[in-house]
Amino acid sequence: MEAQAQAVRDERGRLADALAALPEIVVFPSAANFLLIRVQSGHIDAENVFAQLLARKVLIKNVGKMHPLLKNCLRVTVATPEAHTQFLQPQNALTAQ
């Protein structure tokens, strides 16, 4: 069980670092098995990112309508290294800016 928890922590860190390196993405601190990110861009919003990722079969949760403080926020589940590699590919909506 501890090895699995450590793997999630490692992947969460790798994913958070990769997302934080993107110029228009804010990553909120997390101790959970997901990350909350905010898309801060004048030319693309969380709805657009969500739709583009969904079209590529990359599943994340759009939480922007749950509360005004979550506007332009997406919830990204910490998964496998392979899933994160697909999520972070340059043609994805997050990285194509």
Protein backbone atom coordinates (compact mmCIF):
# COMPACT_ATOMS: atom_id res chain seq x y z
CA MET A 1 0.00 0.00 0.00
CA GLU A 2 2.82 2.42 0.87
CA ALA A 3 4.51 1.79 -2.49
CA GLN A 4 1.29 2.65 -4.30
CA ALA A 5 0.84 5.83 -2.25
CA GLN A 6 4.43 6.84 -3.01
CA ALA A 7 3.85 6.25 -6.72
CA VAL A 8 0.81 8.56 -6.62
CA ARG A 9 2.81 11.23 -4.78
CA ASP A 10 5.65 10.95 -7.31
CA GLU A 11 3.30 11.21 -10.28
CA ARG A 12 1.40 14.10 -8.69
CA GLY A 13 4.67 15.98 -8.35
CA ARG A 14 5.74 15.23 -11.92
CA LEU A 15 2.36 16.27 -13.30
CA ALA A 16 2.20 19.42 -11.16
CA ASP A 17 5.68 20.48 -12.26
CA ALA A 18 4.89 19.91 -15.94
CA LEU A 19 1.63 21.86 -15.72
CA ALA A 20 3.16 24.69 -13.68
CA ALA A 21 5.75 25.15 -16.42
CA LEU A 22 3.00 26.10 -18.87
CA PRO A 23 2.67 29.89 -19.07
CA GLU A 24 -1.09 30.21 -18.68
CA ILE A 25 -1.78 27.44 -16.17
CA VAL A 26 -1.97 27.88 -12.40
CA VAL A 27 -1.62 24.70 -10.34
CA PHE A 28 -3.06 24.77 -6.84
CA PRO A 29 -1.24 22.86 -4.08
CA SER A 30 -2.59 19.36 -3.54
CA ALA A 31 -2.13 16.44 -1.17
CA ALA A 32 -4.83 14.41 -2.93
CA ASN A 33 -4.89 12.10 -5.94
CA PHE A 34 -5.87 14.99 -8.20
CA LEU A 35 -4.72 18.49 -9.14
CA LEU A 36 -6.86 21.57 -9.49
CA ILE A 37 -5.63 23.84 -12.26
CA ARG A 38 -6.83 27.18 -13.57
CA VAL A 39 -6.55 28.19 -17.21
CA GLN A 40 -5.57 31.87 -17.26
CA SER A 41 -5.55 32.88 -20.86
CA GLY A 42 -7.13 35.55 -22.98
CA HIS A 43 -7.55 33.25 -25.97
CA ILE A 44 -8.60 29.90 -24.47
CA ASP A 45 -10.68 28.96 -21.46
CA ALA A 46 -11.28 25.83 -19.40
CA GLU A 47 -14.41 24.94 -21.40
CA ASN A 48 -12.41 24.93 -24.61
CA VAL A 49 -9.53 22.94 -23.08
CA PHE A 50 -12.03 20.43 -21.65
CA ALA A 51 -13.76 19.99 -25.03
CA GLN A 52 -10.50 19.57 -26.92
CA LEU A 53 -9.17 17.00 -24.46
CA LEU A 54 -12.47 15.12 -24.43
CA ALA A 55 -12.35 14.92 -28.23
CA ARG A 56 -8.96 13.21 -27.87
CA LYS A 57 -10.40 10.83 -25.23
CA VAL A 58 -8.39 12.47 -22.44
CA LEU A 59 -10.76 12.65 -19.47
CA ILE A 60 -10.58 15.44 -16.91
CA LYS A 61 -13.31 17.14 -14.92
CA ASN A 62 -14.52 20.64 -15.68
CA VAL A 63 -15.35 22.14 -12.28
CA GLY A 64 -15.81 25.71 -13.48
CA LYS A 65 -19.58 25.72 -12.99
CA MET A 66 -19.55 24.24 -9.50
CA HIS A 67 -18.73 27.54 -7.78
CA PRO A 68 -17.73 31.05 -8.90
CA LEU A 69 -14.30 30.63 -7.31
CA LEU A 70 -13.68 27.66 -9.64
CA LYS A 71 -14.17 29.64 -12.85
CA ASN A 72 -11.82 28.32 -15.57
CA CYS A 73 -10.71 25.43 -13.33
CA LEU A 74 -10.21 21.81 -14.27
CA ARG A 75 -9.62 18.80 -12.03
CA VAL A 76 -6.93 16.44 -13.29
CA THR A 77 -6.74 13.00 -11.67
CA VAL A 78 -3.28 11.70 -10.89
CA ALA A 79 -2.93 8.54 -12.96
CA THR A 80 -0.18 6.55 -14.62
CA PRO A 81 2.97 7.98 -16.22
CA GLU A 82 1.62 6.88 -19.62
CA ALA A 83 -1.68 8.71 -19.11
CA HIS A 84 0.16 11.86 -18.06
CA THR A 85 2.42 11.67 -21.10
CA GLN A 86 -0.68 11.54 -23.34
CA PHE A 87 -2.29 14.39 -21.40
CA LEU A 88 0.81 16.58 -21.77
CA GLN A 89 1.45 15.93 -25.47
CA PRO A 90 2.11 19.13 -27.43
CA GLN A 91 -1.04 18.82 -29.55
CA ASN A 92 -3.25 18.92 -26.45
CA ALA A 93 -5.25 22.05 -25.73
CA LEU A 94 -3.17 22.90 -22.65
CA THR A 95 0.18 22.81 -24.39
CA ALA A 96 -0.82 24.12 -27.81
CA GLN A 97 -0.86 27.74 -26.72
